[in-house]
Amino acid sequence: MPIKEIDIKLINFFRAISIPLARLGLFIIFFWFGILKVFDLSPATPIVQKLSEQTIPFINFPTFIVLFGGLEIIIGILFLIKGAERVVIPLLFLHMITTFMPLFLLPQETWFGFLIPTLEGQYIIKNLALIAAAVAIAANLEPLREKRSK
C-alpha cells in the first residue's frame, strides 16, 4: 500500500475518533478528579483550600470542595451527552477561570521562578490541553438554526 493511501486512511481514522476520544478524555479527567474531591482524596485539596480562603472566605471549605467536585463530576458527565455541548463548554470555561487563578493569586505555590512552574503550576497549565479539546468539540458543532415565524 502506498504511503499516500496509508496517510489518508490514518487521517480519516483520526477524524472519526477525535471528537468521541476528546469527549471520553474530558469525561474521565473531570469525573475522576471530581470524585477525588468529593471523597476528600484529592492531592489538589491544599491549593484549592488556599485559593478559596483568599477568594471566598465566607464559604465553609468542606462544603465548597464537595460542591466543586460535584461540578467537575457534572462537567464530566455532560461531555458524554451529545447535545449538551452548549451547556458544558461554558461550564468548563467558568471552571477553568477558577483553575487558573492560583497562577496569579498563589504564585508562591505555583512558580519556582519566572516561567518555571512548580508541580502544582504544571498541573494547572496542562489545562490548556483540556481547553483545546473542548474547543475542538465546539468547532464540530452544527450551528443553531433559526426558527421560522409563521
N, C-alpha and C. Protein backbone atom coordinates (compact mmCIF):
# COMPACT_ATOMS: atom_id res chain seq x y z
N MET A 1 0.85 -1.18 0.00
CA MET A 1 0.00 0.00 0.00
C MET A 1 0.90 1.24 0.00
N PRO A 2 0.65 2.17 -0.92
CA PRO A 2 1.46 3.39 -0.99
C PRO A 2 1.29 4.24 0.28
N ILE A 3 2.31 4.98 0.59
CA ILE A 3 2.31 5.82 1.79
C ILE A 3 1.17 6.83 1.76
N LYS A 4 0.82 7.35 0.59
CA LYS A 4 -0.26 8.32 0.48
C LYS A 4 -1.59 7.70 0.93
N GLU A 5 -1.85 6.45 0.57
CA GLU A 5 -3.09 5.76 0.98
C GLU A 5 -3.10 5.51 2.48
N ILE A 6 -1.95 5.13 3.02
CA ILE A 6 -1.84 4.92 4.48
C ILE A 6 -2.13 6.24 5.19
N ASP A 7 -1.55 7.32 4.67
CA ASP A 7 -1.75 8.64 5.25
C ASP A 7 -3.23 9.00 5.25
N ILE A 8 -3.91 8.81 4.13
CA ILE A 8 -5.33 9.13 4.03
C ILE A 8 -6.15 8.29 4.99
N LYS A 9 -5.86 6.99 5.08
CA LYS A 9 -6.59 6.10 5.98
C LYS A 9 -6.40 6.52 7.44
N LEU A 10 -5.16 6.86 7.80
CA LEU A 10 -4.90 7.31 9.18
C LEU A 10 -5.62 8.61 9.49
N ILE A 11 -5.55 9.55 8.57
CA ILE A 11 -6.23 10.83 8.79
C ILE A 11 -7.72 10.60 8.96
N ASN A 12 -8.33 9.80 8.10
CA ASN A 12 -9.76 9.53 8.20
C ASN A 12 -10.10 8.82 9.50
N PHE A 13 -9.24 7.90 9.93
CA PHE A 13 -9.45 7.20 11.20
C PHE A 13 -9.42 8.20 12.36
N PHE A 14 -8.41 9.05 12.37
CA PHE A 14 -8.29 10.02 13.46
C PHE A 14 -9.43 11.03 13.44
N ARG A 15 -9.89 11.41 12.26
CA ARG A 15 -11.06 12.29 12.17
C ARG A 15 -12.28 11.62 12.78
N ALA A 16 -12.44 10.35 12.51
CA ALA A 16 -13.62 9.62 13.01
C ALA A 16 -13.61 9.48 14.53
N ILE A 17 -12.43 9.33 15.12
CA ILE A 17 -12.38 9.09 16.57
C ILE A 17 -12.06 10.33 17.39
N SER A 18 -11.65 11.42 16.75
CA SER A 18 -11.14 12.57 17.51
C SER A 18 -12.16 13.15 18.48
N ILE A 19 -13.38 13.39 18.06
CA ILE A 19 -14.37 14.01 18.94
C ILE A 19 -14.83 13.03 20.02
N PRO A 20 -15.16 11.77 19.67
CA PRO A 20 -15.51 10.83 20.75
C PRO A 20 -14.36 10.64 21.75
N LEU A 21 -13.13 10.63 21.26
CA LEU A 21 -11.98 10.47 22.16
C LEU A 21 -11.81 11.71 23.05
N ALA A 22 -12.02 12.90 22.48
CA ALA A 22 -11.94 14.14 23.29
C ALA A 22 -13.02 14.13 24.36
N ARG A 23 -14.23 13.72 24.00
CA ARG A 23 -15.33 13.65 24.97
C ARG A 23 -14.99 12.66 26.09
N LEU A 24 -14.50 11.48 25.71
CA LEU A 24 -14.17 10.46 26.71
C LEU A 24 -13.05 10.94 27.62
N GLY A 25 -12.02 11.55 27.04
CA GLY A 25 -10.91 12.06 27.84
C GLY A 25 -11.35 13.12 28.83
N LEU A 26 -12.18 14.05 28.37
CA LEU A 26 -12.68 15.09 29.27
C LEU A 26 -13.56 14.50 30.36
N PHE A 27 -14.39 13.53 29.99
CA PHE A 27 -15.21 12.86 31.00
C PHE A 27 -14.34 12.22 32.07
N ILE A 28 -13.37 11.42 31.64
CA ILE A 28 -12.52 10.70 32.61
C ILE A 28 -11.82 11.68 33.54
N ILE A 29 -11.22 12.72 33.00
CA ILE A 29 -10.47 13.67 33.83
C ILE A 29 -11.39 14.39 34.82
N PHE A 30 -12.48 14.95 34.32
CA PHE A 30 -13.36 15.72 35.20
C PHE A 30 -14.08 14.83 36.21
N PHE A 31 -14.59 13.69 35.77
CA PHE A 31 -15.30 12.81 36.68
C PHE A 31 -14.36 12.28 37.76
N TRP A 32 -13.20 11.81 37.36
CA TRP A 32 -12.23 11.22 38.29
C TRP A 32 -11.75 12.27 39.30
N PHE A 33 -11.33 13.42 38.80
CA PHE A 33 -10.82 14.44 39.71
C PHE A 33 -11.93 14.97 40.62
N GLY A 34 -13.16 15.03 40.09
CA GLY A 34 -14.29 15.46 40.91
C GLY A 34 -14.60 14.49 42.03
N ILE A 35 -14.60 13.20 41.69
CA ILE A 35 -14.85 12.16 42.72
C ILE A 35 -13.80 12.24 43.82
N LEU A 36 -12.55 12.45 43.43
CA LEU A 36 -11.49 12.56 44.44
C LEU A 36 -11.76 13.73 45.39
N LYS A 37 -12.25 14.84 44.86
CA LYS A 37 -12.56 15.99 45.72
C LYS A 37 -13.75 15.68 46.64
N VAL A 38 -14.79 15.07 46.10
CA VAL A 38 -15.98 14.76 46.89
C VAL A 38 -15.64 13.85 48.06
N PHE A 39 -14.74 12.90 47.85
CA PHE A 39 -14.37 11.96 48.90
C PHE A 39 -13.12 12.38 49.67
N ASP A 40 -12.71 13.65 49.52
CA ASP A 40 -11.57 14.21 50.24
C ASP A 40 -10.29 13.40 50.02
N LEU A 41 -10.06 13.00 48.77
CA LEU A 41 -8.87 12.22 48.43
C LEU A 41 -7.99 12.94 47.42
N SER A 42 -8.32 14.18 47.06
CA SER A 42 -7.61 14.88 46.01
C SER A 42 -6.30 15.48 46.50
N PRO A 43 -5.22 15.26 45.75
CA PRO A 43 -3.97 15.92 46.10
C PRO A 43 -4.02 17.43 45.84
N ALA A 44 -5.04 17.89 45.13
CA ALA A 44 -5.19 19.32 44.85
C ALA A 44 -5.87 20.07 45.99
N THR A 45 -6.39 19.35 46.98
CA THR A 45 -7.15 19.99 48.05
C THR A 45 -6.40 21.13 48.74
N PRO A 46 -5.12 20.99 49.08
CA PRO A 46 -4.45 22.11 49.78
C PRO A 46 -4.43 23.41 48.97
N ILE A 47 -4.15 23.32 47.69
CA ILE A 47 -4.10 24.55 46.89
C ILE A 47 -5.50 25.10 46.66
N VAL A 48 -6.50 24.23 46.51
CA VAL A 48 -7.88 24.68 46.38
C VAL A 48 -8.31 25.39 47.65
N GLN A 49 -7.91 24.84 48.80
CA GLN A 49 -8.27 25.46 50.07
C GLN A 49 -7.63 26.83 50.23
N LYS A 50 -6.35 26.94 49.88
CA LYS A 50 -5.68 28.25 49.98
C LYS A 50 -6.35 29.28 49.07
N LEU A 51 -6.71 28.84 47.86
CA LEU A 51 -7.38 29.76 46.94
C LEU A 51 -8.75 30.17 47.47
N SER A 52 -9.50 29.21 47.99
CA SER A 52 -10.84 29.54 48.49
C SER A 52 -10.76 30.46 49.70
N GLU A 53 -9.75 30.30 50.54
CA GLU A 53 -9.58 31.18 51.69
C GLU A 53 -9.31 32.62 51.26
N GLN A 54 -8.64 32.78 50.12
CA GLN A 54 -8.35 34.14 49.61
C GLN A 54 -9.52 34.75 48.85
N THR A 55 -10.31 33.92 48.20
CA THR A 55 -11.32 34.46 47.29
C THR A 55 -12.76 34.36 47.81
N ILE A 56 -13.06 33.31 48.56
CA ILE A 56 -14.43 33.14 49.09
C ILE A 56 -14.38 32.65 50.53
N PRO A 57 -13.77 33.45 51.42
CA PRO A 57 -13.60 33.01 52.81
C PRO A 57 -14.92 32.82 53.55
N PHE A 58 -16.01 33.33 53.02
CA PHE A 58 -17.32 33.22 53.67
C PHE A 58 -18.00 31.87 53.41
N ILE A 59 -17.41 31.03 52.57
CA ILE A 59 -17.98 29.71 52.30
C ILE A 59 -17.17 28.66 53.05
N ASN A 60 -17.85 27.81 53.77
CA ASN A 60 -17.23 26.71 54.51
C ASN A 60 -16.48 25.82 53.51
N PHE A 61 -15.17 25.61 53.72
CA PHE A 61 -14.38 24.87 52.74
C PHE A 61 -14.84 23.43 52.54
N PRO A 62 -15.14 22.65 53.58
CA PRO A 62 -15.61 21.28 53.32
C PRO A 62 -16.85 21.23 52.41
N THR A 63 -17.73 22.20 52.57
CA THR A 63 -18.91 22.27 51.70
C THR A 63 -18.48 22.67 50.29
N PHE A 64 -17.61 23.67 50.21
CA PHE A 64 -17.16 24.14 48.90
C PHE A 64 -16.49 23.03 48.10
N ILE A 65 -15.58 22.28 48.71
CA ILE A 65 -14.82 21.27 47.96
C ILE A 65 -15.75 20.18 47.43
N VAL A 66 -16.78 19.83 48.20
CA VAL A 66 -17.75 18.84 47.72
C VAL A 66 -18.54 19.41 46.55
N LEU A 67 -18.96 20.67 46.64
CA LEU A 67 -19.70 21.30 45.54
C LEU A 67 -18.82 21.46 44.30
N PHE A 68 -17.57 21.84 44.51
CA PHE A 68 -16.63 22.00 43.41
C PHE A 68 -16.38 20.65 42.73
N GLY A 69 -16.17 19.62 43.54
CA GLY A 69 -16.02 18.28 42.98
C GLY A 69 -17.27 17.83 42.25
N GLY A 70 -18.44 18.16 42.81
CA GLY A 70 -19.70 17.83 42.16
C GLY A 70 -19.83 18.52 40.81
N LEU A 71 -19.39 19.77 40.73
CA LEU A 71 -19.40 20.49 39.46
C LEU A 71 -18.51 19.77 38.44
N GLU A 72 -17.35 19.33 38.88
CA GLU A 72 -16.45 18.61 37.97
C GLU A 72 -17.09 17.31 37.49
N ILE A 73 -17.78 16.61 38.38
CA ILE A 73 -18.46 15.37 38.00
C ILE A 73 -19.53 15.68 36.95
N ILE A 74 -20.29 16.72 37.17
CA ILE A 74 -21.34 17.11 36.22
C ILE A 74 -20.73 17.48 34.87
N ILE A 75 -19.65 18.25 34.88
CA ILE A 75 -18.98 18.61 33.64
C ILE A 75 -18.55 17.34 32.90
N GLY A 76 -17.94 16.42 33.63
CA GLY A 76 -17.51 15.17 33.01
C GLY A 76 -18.65 14.42 32.37
N ILE A 77 -19.74 14.25 33.08
CA ILE A 77 -20.90 13.53 32.56
C ILE A 77 -21.49 14.24 31.35
N LEU A 78 -21.60 15.56 31.42
CA LEU A 78 -22.18 16.31 30.31
C LEU A 78 -21.37 16.17 29.02
N PHE A 79 -20.06 15.99 29.15
CA PHE A 79 -19.25 15.80 27.94
C PHE A 79 -19.59 14.50 27.22
N LEU A 80 -20.19 13.56 27.91
CA LEU A 80 -20.59 12.29 27.26
C LEU A 80 -21.93 12.41 26.54
N ILE A 81 -22.68 13.46 26.83
CA ILE A 81 -24.04 13.58 26.30
C ILE A 81 -24.03 14.47 25.06
N LYS A 82 -24.26 13.85 23.92
CA LYS A 82 -24.36 14.63 22.68
C LYS A 82 -25.56 15.55 22.79
N GLY A 83 -25.36 16.81 22.48
CA GLY A 83 -26.41 17.81 22.61
C GLY A 83 -26.23 18.69 23.84
N ALA A 84 -25.36 18.29 24.77
CA ALA A 84 -25.14 19.08 25.98
C ALA A 84 -23.94 20.03 25.86
N GLU A 85 -23.36 20.08 24.67
CA GLU A 85 -22.14 20.87 24.48
C GLU A 85 -22.33 22.36 24.80
N ARG A 86 -23.48 22.89 24.44
CA ARG A 86 -23.70 24.33 24.64
C ARG A 86 -23.91 24.68 26.11
N VAL A 87 -24.10 23.68 26.93
CA VAL A 87 -24.19 23.87 28.38
C VAL A 87 -22.82 23.60 29.01
N VAL A 88 -22.19 22.50 28.62
CA VAL A 88 -20.98 22.07 29.31
C VAL A 88 -19.76 22.92 28.95
N ILE A 89 -19.66 23.39 27.73
CA ILE A 89 -18.47 24.16 27.37
C ILE A 89 -18.39 25.48 28.13
N PRO A 90 -19.48 26.24 28.27
CA PRO A 90 -19.40 27.42 29.15
C PRO A 90 -19.07 27.05 30.60
N LEU A 91 -19.62 25.93 31.10
CA LEU A 91 -19.28 25.49 32.46
C LEU A 91 -17.79 25.20 32.57
N LEU A 92 -17.24 24.55 31.55
CA LEU A 92 -15.81 24.24 31.55
C LEU A 92 -15.00 25.53 31.58
N PHE A 93 -15.39 26.53 30.79
CA PHE A 93 -14.62 27.78 30.78
C PHE A 93 -14.73 28.52 32.10
N LEU A 94 -15.89 28.51 32.74
CA LEU A 94 -16.00 29.11 34.08
C LEU A 94 -15.11 28.36 35.07
N HIS A 95 -15.12 27.05 34.99
CA HIS A 95 -14.27 26.23 35.85
C HIS A 95 -12.79 26.54 35.61
N MET A 96 -12.43 26.72 34.35
CA MET A 96 -11.02 26.98 34.02
C MET A 96 -10.56 28.33 34.57
N ILE A 97 -11.46 29.30 34.62
CA ILE A 97 -11.09 30.60 35.22
C ILE A 97 -10.65 30.39 36.66
N THR A 98 -11.44 29.62 37.41
CA THR A 98 -11.07 29.37 38.81
C THR A 98 -9.81 28.52 38.90
N THR A 99 -9.64 27.60 37.96
CA THR A 99 -8.49 26.71 37.99
C THR A 99 -7.19 27.46 37.72
N PHE A 100 -7.23 28.49 36.87
CA PHE A 100 -6.02 29.25 36.56
C PHE A 100 -5.68 30.31 37.61
N MET A 101 -6.63 30.62 38.49
CA MET A 101 -6.40 31.66 39.49
C MET A 101 -5.14 31.46 40.35
N PRO A 102 -4.82 30.24 40.79
CA PRO A 102 -3.62 30.11 41.62
C PRO A 102 -2.33 30.58 40.95
N LEU A 103 -2.28 30.54 39.62
CA LEU A 103 -1.07 31.02 38.93
C LEU A 103 -0.83 32.50 39.23
N PHE A 104 -1.92 33.23 39.51
CA PHE A 104 -1.81 34.67 39.76
C PHE A 104 -1.97 35.02 41.23
N LEU A 105 -2.84 34.28 41.94
CA LEU A 105 -3.12 34.62 43.33
C LEU A 105 -2.26 33.85 44.33
N LEU A 106 -1.70 32.74 43.90
CA LEU A 106 -0.83 31.93 44.78
C LEU A 106 0.50 31.64 44.09
N PRO A 107 1.22 32.68 43.68
CA PRO A 107 2.46 32.44 42.92
C PRO A 107 3.51 31.64 43.70
N GLN A 108 3.50 31.77 45.02
CA GLN A 108 4.47 31.01 45.82
C GLN A 108 4.21 29.50 45.75
N GLU A 109 2.99 29.13 45.43
CA GLU A 109 2.61 27.71 45.31
C GLU A 109 2.79 27.18 43.89
N THR A 110 2.77 28.07 42.91
CA THR A 110 2.69 27.63 41.52
C THR A 110 3.92 27.95 40.67
N TRP A 111 4.83 28.76 41.19
CA TRP A 111 6.02 29.13 40.42
C TRP A 111 7.29 29.03 41.28
N PHE A 112 8.33 28.42 40.70
CA PHE A 112 9.66 28.46 41.33
C PHE A 112 10.35 29.76 40.97
N GLY A 113 10.07 30.25 39.78
CA GLY A 113 10.66 31.48 39.27
C GLY A 113 9.97 31.85 37.98
N PHE A 114 10.49 32.85 37.29
CA PHE A 114 9.88 33.31 36.05
C PHE A 114 9.79 32.18 35.03
N LEU A 115 8.56 31.85 34.65
CA LEU A 115 8.26 30.79 33.67
C LEU A 115 8.74 29.40 34.09
N ILE A 116 8.94 29.21 35.40
CA ILE A 116 9.35 27.90 35.92
C ILE A 116 8.28 27.44 36.90
N PRO A 117 7.29 26.68 36.41
CA PRO A 117 6.19 26.29 37.30
C PRO A 117 6.58 25.17 38.25
N THR A 118 5.96 25.19 39.41
CA THR A 118 6.07 24.07 40.35
C THR A 118 5.24 22.92 39.78
N LEU A 119 5.21 21.80 40.45
CA LEU A 119 4.38 20.69 40.01
C LEU A 119 2.91 21.12 39.98
N GLU A 120 2.49 21.89 40.99
CA GLU A 120 1.12 22.40 41.02
C GLU A 120 0.86 23.32 39.83
N GLY A 121 1.85 24.16 39.51
CA GLY A 121 1.72 25.06 38.36
C GLY A 121 1.61 24.28 37.06
N GLN A 122 2.40 23.22 36.93
CA GLN A 122 2.32 22.38 35.73
C GLN A 122 0.95 21.72 35.64
N TYR A 123 0.44 21.28 36.76
CA TYR A 123 -0.88 20.65 36.84
C TYR A 123 -1.95 21.61 36.33
N ILE A 124 -1.80 22.89 36.64
CA ILE A 124 -2.76 23.91 36.19
C ILE A 124 -2.56 24.23 34.71
N ILE A 125 -1.33 24.42 34.30
CA ILE A 125 -1.04 24.80 32.91
C ILE A 125 -1.48 23.72 31.93
N LYS A 126 -1.44 22.46 32.32
CA LYS A 126 -1.86 21.39 31.42
C LYS A 126 -3.34 21.50 31.07
N ASN A 127 -4.07 22.31 31.82
CA ASN A 127 -5.48 22.52 31.50
C ASN A 127 -5.68 23.20 30.15
N LEU A 128 -4.63 23.79 29.59
CA LEU A 128 -4.72 24.32 28.24
C LEU A 128 -5.07 23.21 27.25
N ALA A 129 -4.60 22.00 27.49
CA ALA A 129 -4.95 20.87 26.62
C ALA A 129 -6.43 20.52 26.76
N LEU A 130 -6.98 20.63 27.97
CA LEU A 130 -8.41 20.38 28.16
C LEU A 130 -9.23 21.43 27.42
N ILE A 131 -8.79 22.68 27.49
CA ILE A 131 -9.48 23.76 26.77
C ILE A 131 -9.42 23.48 25.27
N ALA A 132 -8.28 23.04 24.77
CA ALA A 132 -8.14 22.74 23.34
C ALA A 132 -9.10 21.63 22.93
N ALA A 133 -9.24 20.61 23.76
CA ALA A 133 -10.17 19.52 23.45
C ALA A 133 -11.61 20.04 23.41
N ALA A 134 -11.97 20.90 24.35
CA ALA A 134 -13.32 21.47 24.37
C ALA A 134 -13.55 22.36 23.15
N VAL A 135 -12.55 23.12 22.75
CA VAL A 135 -12.67 23.96 21.57
C VAL A 135 -12.85 23.10 20.32
N ALA A 136 -12.14 21.98 20.24
CA ALA A 136 -12.30 21.08 19.10
C ALA A 136 -13.73 20.52 19.04
N ILE A 137 -14.27 20.17 20.19
CA ILE A 137 -15.66 19.70 20.24
C ILE A 137 -16.60 20.80 19.77
N ALA A 138 -16.41 22.01 20.29
CA ALA A 138 -17.26 23.14 19.90
C ALA A 138 -17.15 23.44 18.41
N ALA A 139 -15.95 23.31 17.88
CA ALA A 139 -15.73 23.61 16.46
C ALA A 139 -16.45 22.62 15.55
N ASN A 140 -16.83 21.48 16.07
CA ASN A 140 -17.52 20.47 15.27
C ASN A 140 -19.03 20.45 15.48
N LEU A 141 -19.54 21.42 16.21
CA LEU A 141 -20.99 21.51 16.41
C LEU A 141 -21.67 22.05 15.16
N GLU A 142 -22.90 21.68 14.98
CA GLU A 142 -23.72 22.27 13.92
C GLU A 142 -24.26 23.59 14.45
N PRO A 143 -24.23 24.62 13.61
CA PRO A 143 -24.79 25.91 14.06
C PRO A 143 -26.27 25.77 14.40
N LEU A 144 -26.72 26.56 15.36
CA LEU A 144 -28.14 26.58 15.69
C LEU A 144 -28.91 27.14 14.50
N ARG A 145 -30.05 26.57 14.29
CA ARG A 145 -30.91 27.06 13.20
C ARG A 145 -31.95 27.99 13.78
N GLU A 146 -32.21 29.05 13.05
CA GLU A 146 -33.25 29.99 13.48
C GLU A 146 -34.61 29.39 13.18
N LYS A 147 -35.53 29.57 14.12
CA LYS A 147 -36.89 29.12 13.89
C LYS A 147 -37.60 30.12 13.01
N ARG A 148 -38.32 29.59 12.05
CA ARG A 148 -39.09 30.48 11.17
C ARG A 148 -40.40 30.83 11.83
N SER A 149 -40.73 32.09 11.77
CA SER A 149 -42.03 32.51 12.31
C SER A 149 -43.11 32.33 11.24
N LYS A 150 -44.28 31.93 11.66
CA LYS A 150 -45.36 31.65 10.70
C LYS A 150 -46.24 32.82 10.48
